[in-house]
């Protein structure tokens, strides 16, 4: 089942892990997408940590990662799976254990974006 607002959030958040430098205008564009999504900051935080980060985090740790953008069909399918299991103790525990590895490379930008919401 398609959820256009959530899909736009997944796509916007995934940009944090692209193999490119995110500048002020890029962060502002992501913040705008998140702000108009209708999700609370708490829900956006959960989407960031439990749905998107587990899918794309490894891109920040490879030598030559994806830099143009993740394939939306692939991203949406993977994030949708994480959305369904985000209340699972196993998934939450795994995300908690890997939180630093999954978000260390993007946490500074995420804080800046979150401050704009």
PDB file of N, CA and C in Angstrom:
ATOM      1  N   UNK A   1       0.845  -1.177   0.000  1.00  0.00           N
ATOM      2  CA  UNK A   1       0.000   0.000   0.000  1.00  0.00           C
ATOM      3  C   UNK A   1       0.891   1.241   0.000  1.00  0.00           C
ATOM      4  N   UNK A   2       0.601   2.140  -0.886  1.00  0.00           N
ATOM      5  CA  UNK A   2       1.414   3.340  -1.051  1.00  0.00           C
ATOM      6  C   UNK A   2       0.990   4.435  -0.065  1.00  0.00           C
ATOM      7  N   UNK A   3       1.959   5.101   0.506  1.00  0.00           N
ATOM      8  CA  UNK A   3       1.740   6.244   1.393  1.00  0.00           C
ATOM      9  C   UNK A   3       2.653   7.360   0.878  1.00  0.00           C
ATOM     10  N   UNK A   4       2.138   8.218  -0.013  1.00  0.00           N
ATOM     11  CA  UNK A   4       2.985   9.229  -0.658  1.00  0.00           C
ATOM     12  C   UNK A   4       3.734  10.135   0.317  1.00  0.00           C
ATOM     13  N   UNK A   5       3.100  10.530   1.417  1.00  0.00           N
ATOM     14  CA  UNK A   5       3.780  11.399   2.385  1.00  0.00           C
ATOM     15  C   UNK A   5       4.969  10.684   3.006  1.00  0.00           C
ATOM     16  N   UNK A   6       4.769   9.431   3.397  1.00  0.00           N
ATOM     17  CA  UNK A   6       5.850   8.673   4.023  1.00  0.00           C
ATOM     18  C   UNK A   6       6.951   8.388   3.003  1.00  0.00           C
ATOM     19  N   UNK A   7       6.568   8.068   1.779  1.00  0.00           N
ATOM     20  CA  UNK A   7       7.559   7.808   0.734  1.00  0.00           C
ATOM     21  C   UNK A   7       8.413   9.043   0.464  1.00  0.00           C
ATOM     22  N   UNK A   8       7.803  10.225   0.483  1.00  0.00           N
ATOM     23  CA  UNK A   8       8.593  11.442   0.268  1.00  0.00           C
ATOM     24  C   UNK A   8       9.567  11.663   1.425  1.00  0.00           C
ATOM     25  N   UNK A   9       9.162  11.294   2.639  1.00  0.00           N
ATOM     26  CA  UNK A   9      10.050  11.392   3.803  1.00  0.00           C
ATOM     27  C   UNK A   9      11.200  10.396   3.664  1.00  0.00           C
ATOM     28  N   UNK A  10      10.886   9.156   3.284  1.00  0.00           N
ATOM     29  CA  UNK A  10      11.944   8.152   3.091  1.00  0.00           C
ATOM     30  C   UNK A  10      12.967   8.641   2.070  1.00  0.00           C
ATOM     31  N   UNK A  11      12.482   9.142   0.958  1.00  0.00           N
ATOM     32  CA  UNK A  11      13.371   9.603  -0.106  1.00  0.00           C
ATOM     33  C   UNK A  11      14.217  10.784   0.369  1.00  0.00           C
ATOM     34  N   UNK A  12      13.582  11.738   1.046  1.00  0.00           N
ATOM     35  CA  UNK A  12      14.315  12.910   1.534  1.00  0.00           C
ATOM     36  C   UNK A  12      15.369  12.504   2.558  1.00  0.00           C
ATOM     37  N   UNK A  13      14.996  11.679   3.517  1.00  0.00           N
ATOM     38  CA  UNK A  13      15.961  11.260   4.545  1.00  0.00           C
ATOM     39  C   UNK A  13      17.103  10.436   3.956  1.00  0.00           C
ATOM     40  N   UNK A  14      16.812   9.649   2.939  1.00  0.00           N
ATOM     41  CA  UNK A  14      17.868   8.820   2.344  1.00  0.00           C
ATOM     42  C   UNK A  14      18.994   9.670   1.766  1.00  0.00           C
ATOM     43  N   UNK A  15      18.696  10.919   1.415  1.00  0.00           N
ATOM     44  CA  UNK A  15      19.717  11.809   0.864  1.00  0.00           C
ATOM     45  C   UNK A  15      20.847  12.070   1.863  1.00  0.00           C
ATOM     46  N   UNK A  16      20.564  11.909   3.142  1.00  0.00           N
ATOM     47  CA  UNK A  16      21.606  12.094   4.149  1.00  0.00           C
ATOM     48  C   UNK A  16      22.764  11.113   3.949  1.00  0.00           C
ATOM     49  N   UNK A  17      22.465   9.931   3.438  1.00  0.00           N
ATOM     50  CA  UNK A  17      23.481   8.883   3.308  1.00  0.00           C
ATOM     51  C   UNK A  17      24.092   8.800   1.913  1.00  0.00           C
ATOM     52  N   UNK A  18      23.757   9.719   1.025  1.00  0.00           N
ATOM     53  CA  UNK A  18      24.387   9.695  -0.300  1.00  0.00           C
ATOM     54  C   UNK A  18      25.855  10.071  -0.174  1.00  0.00           C
ATOM     55  N   UNK A  19      26.638   9.595  -1.097  1.00  0.00           N
ATOM     56  CA  UNK A  19      28.078   9.835  -1.081  1.00  0.00           C
ATOM     57  C   UNK A  19      28.392  11.209  -1.670  1.00  0.00           C
ATOM     58  N   UNK A  20      27.763  12.242  -1.086  1.00  0.00           N
ATOM     59  CA  UNK A  20      27.954  13.624  -1.505  1.00  0.00           C
ATOM     60  C   UNK A  20      27.954  14.503  -0.260  1.00  0.00           C
ATOM     61  N   UNK A  21      28.449  15.709  -0.406  1.00  0.00           N
ATOM     62  CA  UNK A  21      28.431  16.673   0.698  1.00  0.00           C
ATOM     63  C   UNK A  21      27.081  17.372   0.696  1.00  0.00           C
ATOM     64  N   UNK A  22      26.397  17.352   1.813  1.00  0.00           N
ATOM     65  CA  UNK A  22      25.098  18.009   1.926  1.00  0.00           C
ATOM     66  C   UNK A  22      25.313  19.443   2.397  1.00  0.00           C
ATOM     67  N   UNK A  23      24.882  20.412   1.595  1.00  0.00           N
ATOM     68  CA  UNK A  23      25.068  21.818   1.962  1.00  0.00           C
ATOM     69  C   UNK A  23      23.806  22.377   2.610  1.00  0.00           C
ATOM     70  N   UNK A  24      23.862  23.659   2.937  1.00  0.00           N
ATOM     71  CA  UNK A  24      22.765  24.316   3.641  1.00  0.00           C
ATOM     72  C   UNK A  24      21.455  24.239   2.843  1.00  0.00           C
ATOM     73  N   UNK A  25      21.520  24.466   1.548  1.00  0.00           N
ATOM     74  CA  UNK A  25      20.301  24.414   0.738  1.00  0.00           C
ATOM     75  C   UNK A  25      19.749  22.993   0.643  1.00  0.00           C
ATOM     76  N   UNK A  26      20.636  22.007   0.610  1.00  0.00           N
ATOM     77  CA  UNK A  26      20.198  20.609   0.604  1.00  0.00           C
ATOM     78  C   UNK A  26      19.489  20.240   1.894  1.00  0.00           C
ATOM     79  N   UNK A  27      20.067  20.697   3.019  1.00  0.00           N
ATOM     80  CA  UNK A  27      19.420  20.451   4.321  1.00  0.00           C
ATOM     81  C   UNK A  27      18.073  21.156   4.398  1.00  0.00           C
ATOM     82  N   UNK A  28      17.999  22.375   3.865  1.00  0.00           N
ATOM     83  CA  UNK A  28      16.741  23.130   3.884  1.00  0.00           C
ATOM     84  C   UNK A  28      15.669  22.422   3.051  1.00  0.00           C
ATOM     85  N   UNK A  29      16.064  21.865   1.920  1.00  0.00           N
ATOM     86  CA  UNK A  29      15.108  21.143   1.073  1.00  0.00           C
ATOM     87  C   UNK A  29      14.576  19.905   1.782  1.00  0.00           C
ATOM     88  N   UNK A  30      15.457  19.186   2.452  1.00  0.00           N
ATOM     89  CA  UNK A  30      15.026  18.011   3.218  1.00  0.00           C
ATOM     90  C   UNK A  30      14.085  18.444   4.336  1.00  0.00           C
ATOM     91  N   UNK A  31      14.450  19.497   5.057  1.00  0.00           N
ATOM     92  CA  UNK A  31      13.614  19.999   6.158  1.00  0.00           C
ATOM     93  C   UNK A  31      12.233  20.404   5.648  1.00  0.00           C
ATOM     94  N   UNK A  32      12.179  21.031   4.497  1.00  0.00           N
ATOM     95  CA  UNK A  32      10.892  21.452   3.927  1.00  0.00           C
ATOM     96  C   UNK A  32      10.020  20.237   3.623  1.00  0.00           C
ATOM     97  N   UNK A  33      10.604  19.219   3.013  1.00  0.00           N
ATOM     98  CA  UNK A  33       9.853  18.000   2.709  1.00  0.00           C
ATOM     99  C   UNK A  33       9.317  17.374   3.993  1.00  0.00           C
ATOM    100  N   UNK A  34      10.153  17.324   5.018  1.00  0.00           N
ATOM    101  CA  UNK A  34       9.728  16.730   6.287  1.00  0.00           C
ATOM    102  C   UNK A  34       8.631  17.570   6.935  1.00  0.00           C
ATOM    103  N   UNK A  35       8.779  18.885   6.883  1.00  0.00           N
ATOM    104  CA  UNK A  35       7.806  19.779   7.523  1.00  0.00           C
ATOM    105  C   UNK A  35       6.429  19.667   6.884  1.00  0.00           C
ATOM    106  N   UNK A  36       6.363  19.532   5.579  1.00  0.00           N
ATOM    107  CA  UNK A  36       5.061  19.459   4.912  1.00  0.00           C
ATOM    108  C   UNK A  36       4.466  18.056   4.924  1.00  0.00           C
ATOM    109  N   UNK A  37       5.214  17.085   5.431  1.00  0.00           N
ATOM    110  CA  UNK A  37       4.733  15.696   5.446  1.00  0.00           C
ATOM    111  C   UNK A  37       3.561  15.490   6.402  1.00  0.00           C
ATOM    112  N   UNK A  38       3.481  16.329   7.426  1.00  0.00           N
ATOM    113  CA  UNK A  38       2.416  16.168   8.409  1.00  0.00           C
ATOM    114  C   UNK A  38       2.787  15.285   9.580  1.00  0.00           C
ATOM    115  N   UNK A  39       3.979  14.699   9.548  1.00  0.00           N
ATOM    116  CA  UNK A  39       4.429  13.858  10.650  1.00  0.00           C
ATOM    117  C   UNK A  39       5.018  14.713  11.766  1.00  0.00           C
ATOM    118  N   UNK A  40       4.835  14.282  12.995  1.00  0.00           N
ATOM    119  CA  UNK A  40       5.435  14.977  14.134  1.00  0.00           C
ATOM    120  C   UNK A  40       6.951  14.774  14.106  1.00  0.00           C
ATOM    121  N   UNK A  41       7.655  15.605  14.845  1.00  0.00           N
ATOM    122  CA  UNK A  41       9.109  15.465  14.931  1.00  0.00           C
ATOM    123  C   UNK A  41       9.461  14.105  15.537  1.00  0.00           C
ATOM    124  N   UNK A  42       8.701  13.662  16.519  1.00  0.00           N
ATOM    125  CA  UNK A  42       8.955  12.347  17.136  1.00  0.00           C
ATOM    126  C   UNK A  42       8.783  11.221  16.118  1.00  0.00           C
ATOM    127  N   UNK A  43       7.755  11.315  15.274  1.00  0.00           N
ATOM    128  CA  UNK A  43       7.542  10.292  14.252  1.00  0.00           C
ATOM    129  C   UNK A  43       8.633  10.352  13.193  1.00  0.00           C
ATOM    130  N   UNK A  44       9.049  11.554  12.813  1.00  0.00           N
ATOM    131  CA  UNK A  44      10.147  11.696  11.845  1.00  0.00           C
ATOM    132  C   UNK A  44      11.437  11.093  12.397  1.00  0.00           C
ATOM    133  N   UNK A  45      11.674  11.279  13.682  1.00  0.00           N
ATOM    134  CA  UNK A  45      12.846  10.677  14.334  1.00  0.00           C
ATOM    135  C   UNK A  45      12.786   9.154  14.247  1.00  0.00           C
ATOM    136  N   UNK A  46      11.606   8.597  14.500  1.00  0.00           N
ATOM    137  CA  UNK A  46      11.437   7.142  14.417  1.00  0.00           C
ATOM    138  C   UNK A  46      11.623   6.649  12.985  1.00  0.00           C
ATOM    139  N   UNK A  47      11.096   7.382  12.029  1.00  0.00           N
ATOM    140  CA  UNK A  47      11.271   7.005  10.623  1.00  0.00           C
ATOM    141  C   UNK A  47      12.755   7.030  10.262  1.00  0.00           C
ATOM    142  N   UNK A  48      13.443   8.063  10.698  1.00  0.00           N
ATOM    143  CA  UNK A  48      14.890   8.206  10.458  1.00  0.00           C
ATOM    144  C   UNK A  48      15.660   7.019  11.040  1.00  0.00           C
ATOM    145  N   UNK A  49      15.431   6.710  12.303  1.00  0.00           N
ATOM    146  CA  UNK A  49      16.214   5.689  13.007  1.00  0.00           C
ATOM    147  C   UNK A  49      15.788   4.248  12.743  1.00  0.00           C
ATOM    148  N   UNK A  50      14.485   4.019  12.552  1.00  0.00           N
ATOM    149  CA  UNK A  50      13.977   2.645  12.476  1.00  0.00           C
ATOM    150  C   UNK A  50      13.589   2.194  11.076  1.00  0.00           C
ATOM    151  N   UNK A  51      13.362   3.130  10.175  1.00  0.00           N
ATOM    152  CA  UNK A  51      12.926   2.753   8.826  1.00  0.00           C
ATOM    153  C   UNK A  51      13.977   3.026   7.765  1.00  0.00           C
ATOM    154  N   UNK A  52      14.559   4.216   7.773  1.00  0.00           N
ATOM    155  CA  UNK A  52      15.495   4.590   6.700  1.00  0.00           C
ATOM    156  C   UNK A  52      16.936   4.181   7.013  1.00  0.00           C
ATOM    157  N   UNK A  53      17.429   4.543   8.189  1.00  0.00           N
ATOM    158  CA  UNK A  53      18.834   4.255   8.527  1.00  0.00           C
ATOM    159  C   UNK A  53      19.203   2.785   8.340  1.00  0.00           C
ATOM    160  N   UNK A  54      18.371   1.821   8.781  1.00  0.00           N
ATOM    161  CA  UNK A  54      18.758   0.420   8.607  1.00  0.00           C
ATOM    162  C   UNK A  54      18.892  -0.009   7.148  1.00  0.00           C
ATOM    163  N   UNK A  55      18.279   0.742   6.251  1.00  0.00           N
ATOM    164  CA  UNK A  55      18.309   0.392   4.828  1.00  0.00           C
ATOM    165  C   UNK A  55      19.546   0.957   4.135  1.00  0.00           C
ATOM    166  N   UNK A  56      19.899   2.206   4.432  1.00  0.00           N
ATOM    167  CA  UNK A  56      20.907   2.901   3.620  1.00  0.00           C
ATOM    168  C   UNK A  56      22.225   3.200   4.331  1.00  0.00           C
ATOM    169  N   UNK A  57      22.331   2.892   5.609  1.00  0.00           N
ATOM    170  CA  UNK A  57      23.500   3.314   6.381  1.00  0.00           C
ATOM    171  C   UNK A  57      24.821   2.808   5.826  1.00  0.00           C
ATOM    172  N   UNK A  58      24.836   1.640   5.265  1.00  0.00           N
ATOM    173  CA  UNK A  58      26.112   1.089   4.793  1.00  0.00           C
ATOM    174  C   UNK A  58      26.697   1.906   3.648  1.00  0.00           C
ATOM    175  N   UNK A  59      25.880   2.701   2.964  1.00  0.00           N
ATOM    176  CA  UNK A  59      26.387   3.535   1.879  1.00  0.00           C
ATOM    177  C   UNK A  59      27.418   4.548   2.377  1.00  0.00           C
ATOM    178  N   UNK A  60      27.292   4.945   3.632  1.00  0.00           N
ATOM    179  CA  UNK A  60      28.239   5.913   4.196  1.00  0.00           C
ATOM    180  C   UNK A  60      29.594   5.278   4.499  1.00  0.00           C
ATOM    181  N   UNK A  61      29.665   3.958   4.482  1.00  0.00           N
ATOM    182  CA  UNK A  61      30.887   3.264   4.891  1.00  0.00           C
ATOM    183  C   UNK A  61      31.606   2.550   3.750  1.00  0.00           C
ATOM    184  N   UNK A  62      31.102   2.683   2.528  1.00  0.00           N
ATOM    185  CA  UNK A  62      31.780   2.055   1.392  1.00  0.00           C
ATOM    186  C   UNK A  62      32.654   3.083   0.690  1.00  0.00           C
ATOM    187  N   UNK A  63      33.657   2.616  -0.018  1.00  0.00           N
ATOM    188  CA  UNK A  63      34.594   3.510  -0.687  1.00  0.00           C
ATOM    189  C   UNK A  63      33.909   4.340  -1.757  1.00  0.00           C
ATOM    190  N   UNK A  64      33.159   3.700  -2.607  1.00  0.00           N
ATOM    191  CA  UNK A  64      32.431   4.398  -3.663  1.00  0.00           C
ATOM    192  C   UNK A  64      30.957   4.054  -3.496  1.00  0.00           C
ATOM    193  N   UNK A  65      30.227   4.954  -2.854  1.00  0.00           N
ATOM    194  CA  UNK A  65      28.818   4.699  -2.589  1.00  0.00           C
ATOM    195  C   UNK A  65      27.909   5.338  -3.623  1.00  0.00           C
ATOM    196  N   UNK A  66      26.630   5.129  -3.424  1.00  0.00           N
ATOM    197  CA  UNK A  66      25.614   5.750  -4.273  1.00  0.00           C
ATOM    198  C   UNK A  66      25.667   7.243  -4.038  1.00  0.00           C
ATOM    199  N   UNK A  67      25.700   8.027  -5.088  1.00  0.00           N
ATOM    200  CA  UNK A  67      25.768   9.470  -4.924  1.00  0.00           C
ATOM    201  C   UNK A  67      24.663  10.216  -5.661  1.00  0.00           C
ATOM    202  N   UNK A  68      24.039   9.597  -6.667  1.00  0.00           N
ATOM    203  CA  UNK A  68      22.979  10.275  -7.415  1.00  0.00           C
ATOM    204  C   UNK A  68      21.621  10.149  -6.751  1.00  0.00           C
ATOM    205  N   UNK A  69      21.422   9.134  -5.967  1.00  0.00           N
ATOM    206  CA  UNK A  69      20.137   8.875  -5.326  1.00  0.00           C
ATOM    207  C   UNK A  69      19.835   7.392  -5.347  1.00  0.00           C
ATOM    208  N   UNK A  70      19.194   6.936  -4.301  1.00  0.00           N
ATOM    209  CA  UNK A  70      18.827   5.527  -4.221  1.00  0.00           C
ATOM    210  C   UNK A  70      17.621   5.263  -5.124  1.00  0.00           C
ATOM    211  N   UNK A  71      17.561   4.061  -5.663  1.00  0.00           N
ATOM    212  CA  UNK A  71      16.431   3.667  -6.484  1.00  0.00           C
ATOM    213  C   UNK A  71      15.163   3.720  -5.620  1.00  0.00           C
ATOM    214  N   UNK A  72      14.191   4.554  -5.980  1.00  0.00           N
ATOM    215  CA  UNK A  72      13.007   4.710  -5.142  1.00  0.00           C
ATOM    216  C   UNK A  72      12.240   3.412  -4.897  1.00  0.00           C
ATOM    217  N   UNK A  73      12.100   2.573  -5.925  1.00  0.00           N
ATOM    218  CA  UNK A  73      11.366   1.313  -5.733  1.00  0.00           C
ATOM    219  C   UNK A  73      12.053   0.440  -4.691  1.00  0.00           C
ATOM    220  N   UNK A  74      13.361   0.320  -4.801  1.00  0.00           N
ATOM    221  CA  UNK A  74      14.135  -0.459  -3.830  1.00  0.00           C
ATOM    222  C   UNK A  74      14.018   0.150  -2.436  1.00  0.00           C
ATOM    223  N   UNK A  75      14.195   1.467  -2.346  1.00  0.00           N
ATOM    224  CA  UNK A  75      14.137   2.156  -1.065  1.00  0.00           C
ATOM    225  C   UNK A  75      12.768   1.998  -0.414  1.00  0.00           C
ATOM    226  N   UNK A  76      11.696   2.223  -1.172  1.00  0.00           N
ATOM    227  CA  UNK A  76      10.349   2.148  -0.612  1.00  0.00           C
ATOM    228  C   UNK A  76      10.034   0.736  -0.128  1.00  0.00           C
ATOM    229  N   UNK A  77      10.428  -0.264  -0.900  1.00  0.00           N
ATOM    230  CA  UNK A  77      10.164  -1.651  -0.499  1.00  0.00           C
ATOM    231  C   UNK A  77      10.886  -1.979   0.811  1.00  0.00           C
ATOM    232  N   UNK A  78      12.151  -1.605   0.907  1.00  0.00           N
ATOM    233  CA  UNK A  78      12.937  -1.899   2.113  1.00  0.00           C
ATOM    234  C   UNK A  78      12.425  -1.106   3.315  1.00  0.00           C
ATOM    235  N   UNK A  79      12.115   0.155   3.118  1.00  0.00           N
ATOM    236  CA  UNK A  79      11.598   0.974   4.228  1.00  0.00           C
ATOM    237  C   UNK A  79      10.221   0.492   4.671  1.00  0.00           C
ATOM    238  N   UNK A  80       9.409   0.050   3.725  1.00  0.00           N
ATOM    239  CA  UNK A  80       8.090  -0.489   4.059  1.00  0.00           C
ATOM    240  C   UNK A  80       8.227  -1.728   4.953  1.00  0.00           C
ATOM    241  N   UNK A  81       9.206  -2.576   4.649  1.00  0.00           N
ATOM    242  CA  UNK A  81       9.459  -3.754   5.511  1.00  0.00           C
ATOM    243  C   UNK A  81       9.826  -3.308   6.917  1.00  0.00           C
ATOM    244  N   UNK A  82      10.698  -2.295   7.013  1.00  0.00           N
ATOM    245  CA  UNK A  82      11.103  -1.792   8.330  1.00  0.00           C
ATOM    246  C   UNK A  82       9.946  -1.108   9.049  1.00  0.00           C
ATOM    247  N   UNK A  83       9.086  -0.459   8.313  1.00  0.00           N
ATOM    248  CA  UNK A  83       7.911   0.171   8.917  1.00  0.00           C
ATOM    249  C   UNK A  83       7.039  -0.899   9.590  1.00  0.00           C
ATOM    250  N   UNK A  84       6.875  -2.028   8.925  1.00  0.00           N
ATOM    251  CA  UNK A  84       6.043  -3.104   9.471  1.00  0.00           C
ATOM    252  C   UNK A  84       6.663  -3.727  10.718  1.00  0.00           C
ATOM    253  N   UNK A  85       7.985  -3.755  10.795  1.00  0.00           N
ATOM    254  CA  UNK A  85       8.631  -4.422  11.935  1.00  0.00           C
ATOM    255  C   UNK A  85       9.212  -3.462  12.969  1.00  0.00           C
ATOM    256  N   UNK A  86       8.939  -2.182  12.858  1.00  0.00           N
ATOM    257  CA  UNK A  86       9.583  -1.212  13.741  1.00  0.00           C
ATOM    258  C   UNK A  86       9.167  -1.331  15.197  1.00  0.00           C
ATOM    259  N   UNK A  87       8.060  -1.994  15.480  1.00  0.00           N
ATOM    260  CA  UNK A  87       7.640  -2.195  16.868  1.00  0.00           C
ATOM    261  C   UNK A  87       8.132  -3.531  17.420  1.00  0.00           C
ATOM    262  N   UNK A  88       8.776  -4.297  16.574  1.00  0.00           N
ATOM    263  CA  UNK A  88       9.338  -5.578  17.004  1.00  0.00           C
ATOM    264  C   UNK A  88      10.519  -5.329  17.938  1.00  0.00           C
ATOM    265  N   UNK A  89      10.556  -6.004  19.085  1.00  0.00           N
ATOM    266  CA  UNK A  89      11.702  -5.838  19.994  1.00  0.00           C
ATOM    267  C   UNK A  89      13.031  -6.175  19.310  1.00  0.00           C
ATOM    268  N   UNK A  90      13.029  -7.174  18.442  1.00  0.00           N
ATOM    269  CA  UNK A  90      14.254  -7.568  17.752  1.00  0.00           C
ATOM    270  C   UNK A  90      14.744  -6.431  16.857  1.00  0.00           C
ATOM    271  N   UNK A  91      13.846  -5.849  16.057  1.00  0.00           N
ATOM    272  CA  UNK A  91      14.232  -4.769  15.134  1.00  0.00           C
ATOM    273  C   UNK A  91      14.698  -3.543  15.926  1.00  0.00           C
ATOM    274  N   UNK A  92      13.951  -3.171  16.946  1.00  0.00           N
ATOM    275  CA  UNK A  92      14.320  -2.007  17.758  1.00  0.00           C
ATOM    276  C   UNK A  92      15.672  -2.227  18.438  1.00  0.00           C
ATOM    277  N   UNK A  93      15.890  -3.441  18.950  1.00  0.00           N
ATOM    278  CA  UNK A  93      17.161  -3.759  19.604  1.00  0.00           C
ATOM    279  C   UNK A  93      18.325  -3.707  18.627  1.00  0.00           C
ATOM    280  N   UNK A  94      18.108  -4.260  17.442  1.00  0.00           N
ATOM    281  CA  UNK A  94      19.150  -4.236  16.402  1.00  0.00           C
ATOM    282  C   UNK A  94      19.482  -2.791  16.033  1.00  0.00           C
ATOM    283  N   UNK A  95      18.460  -1.972  15.852  1.00  0.00           N
ATOM    284  CA  UNK A  95      18.682  -0.566  15.503  1.00  0.00           C
ATOM    285  C   UNK A  95      19.383   0.170  16.638  1.00  0.00           C
ATOM    286  N   UNK A  96      19.041  -0.153  17.859  1.00  0.00           N
ATOM    287  CA  UNK A  96      19.690   0.491  19.003  1.00  0.00           C
ATOM    288  C   UNK A  96      21.164   0.086  19.060  1.00  0.00           C
ATOM    289  N   UNK A  97      21.441  -1.207  18.872  1.00  0.00           N
ATOM    290  CA  UNK A  97      22.827  -1.698  18.925  1.00  0.00           C
ATOM    291  C   UNK A  97      23.677  -1.080  17.807  1.00  0.00           C
ATOM    292  N   UNK A  98      23.102  -0.883  16.649  1.00  0.00           N
ATOM    293  CA  UNK A  98      23.844  -0.366  15.494  1.00  0.00           C
ATOM    294  C   UNK A  98      23.669   1.140  15.290  1.00  0.00           C
ATOM    295  N   UNK A  99      23.011   1.822  16.219  1.00  0.00           N
ATOM    296  CA  UNK A  99      22.653   3.235  16.025  1.00  0.00           C
ATOM    297  C   UNK A  99      23.841   4.110  15.672  1.00  0.00           C
ATOM    298  N   UNK A 100      24.960   3.917  16.330  1.00  0.00           N
ATOM    299  CA  UNK A 100      26.126   4.771  16.028  1.00  0.00           C
ATOM    300  C   UNK A 100      26.675   4.487  14.640  1.00  0.00           C
ATOM    301  N   UNK A 101      26.779   3.221  14.296  1.00  0.00           N
ATOM    302  CA  UNK A 101      27.269   2.869  12.962  1.00  0.00           C
ATOM    303  C   UNK A 101      26.323   3.374  11.880  1.00  0.00           C
ATOM    304  N   UNK A 102      25.012   3.282  12.155  1.00  0.00           N
ATOM    305  CA  UNK A 102      24.018   3.667  11.148  1.00  0.00           C
ATOM    306  C   UNK A 102      23.914   5.178  10.974  1.00  0.00           C
ATOM    307  N   UNK A 103      24.184   5.953  12.018  1.00  0.00           N
ATOM    308  CA  UNK A 103      23.907   7.388  11.931  1.00  0.00           C
ATOM    309  C   UNK A 103      25.115   8.298  12.161  1.00  0.00           C
ATOM    310  N   UNK A 104      26.245   7.748  12.545  1.00  0.00           N
ATOM    311  CA  UNK A 104      27.416   8.592  12.862  1.00  0.00           C
ATOM    312  C   UNK A 104      27.781   9.537  11.720  1.00  0.00           C
ATOM    313  N   UNK A 105      27.740   9.053  10.507  1.00  0.00           N
ATOM    314  CA  UNK A 105      28.163   9.862   9.364  1.00  0.00           C
ATOM    315  C   UNK A 105      27.178  10.972   9.025  1.00  0.00           C
ATOM    316  N   UNK A 106      25.936  10.876   9.512  1.00  0.00           N
ATOM    317  CA  UNK A 106      24.908  11.838   9.106  1.00  0.00           C
ATOM    318  C   UNK A 106      24.263  12.578  10.275  1.00  0.00           C
ATOM    319  N   UNK A 107      24.634  12.226  11.479  1.00  0.00           N
ATOM    320  CA  UNK A 107      23.950  12.765  12.661  1.00  0.00           C
ATOM    321  C   UNK A 107      24.034  14.293  12.750  1.00  0.00           C
ATOM    322  N   UNK A 108      25.143  14.880  12.387  1.00  0.00           N
ATOM    323  CA  UNK A 108      25.296  16.334  12.441  1.00  0.00           C
ATOM    324  C   UNK A 108      24.286  17.010  11.502  1.00  0.00           C
ATOM    325  N   UNK A 109      24.179  16.494  10.276  1.00  0.00           N
ATOM    326  CA  UNK A 109      23.205  17.047   9.332  1.00  0.00           C
ATOM    327  C   UNK A 109      21.781  16.814   9.827  1.00  0.00           C
ATOM    328  N   UNK A 110      21.522  15.634  10.395  1.00  0.00           N
ATOM    329  CA  UNK A 110      20.186  15.338  10.910  1.00  0.00           C
ATOM    330  C   UNK A 110      19.799  16.322  12.018  1.00  0.00           C
ATOM    331  N   UNK A 111      20.713  16.609  12.916  1.00  0.00           N
ATOM    332  CA  UNK A 111      20.426  17.581  13.990  1.00  0.00           C
ATOM    333  C   UNK A 111      20.108  18.957  13.415  1.00  0.00           C
ATOM    334  N   UNK A 112      20.844  19.357  12.400  1.00  0.00           N
ATOM    335  CA  UNK A 112      20.599  20.657  11.769  1.00  0.00           C
ATOM    336  C   UNK A 112      19.238  20.695  11.088  1.00  0.00           C
ATOM    337  N   UNK A 113      18.888  19.598  10.429  1.00  0.00           N
ATOM    338  CA  UNK A 113      17.577  19.509   9.770  1.00  0.00           C
ATOM    339  C   UNK A 113      16.464  19.512  10.809  1.00  0.00           C
ATOM    340  N   UNK A 114      16.624  18.711  11.835  1.00  0.00           N
ATOM    341  CA  UNK A 114      15.604  18.617  12.897  1.00  0.00           C
ATOM    342  C   UNK A 114      15.381  19.974  13.557  1.00  0.00           C
ATOM    343  N   UNK A 115      16.417  20.766  13.689  1.00  0.00           N
ATOM    344  CA  UNK A 115      16.296  22.098  14.295  1.00  0.00           C
ATOM    345  C   UNK A 115      15.454  23.043  13.439  1.00  0.00           C
ATOM    346  N   UNK A 116      15.341  22.746  12.161  1.00  0.00           N
ATOM    347  CA  UNK A 116      14.533  23.580  11.264  1.00  0.00           C
ATOM    348  C   UNK A 116      13.056  23.202  11.259  1.00  0.00           C
ATOM    349  N   UNK A 117      12.721  22.106  11.909  1.00  0.00           N
ATOM    350  CA  UNK A 117      11.322  21.643  11.898  1.00  0.00           C
ATOM    351  C   UNK A 117      10.478  22.343  12.937  1.00  0.00           C
TER     352      UNK A 117
END
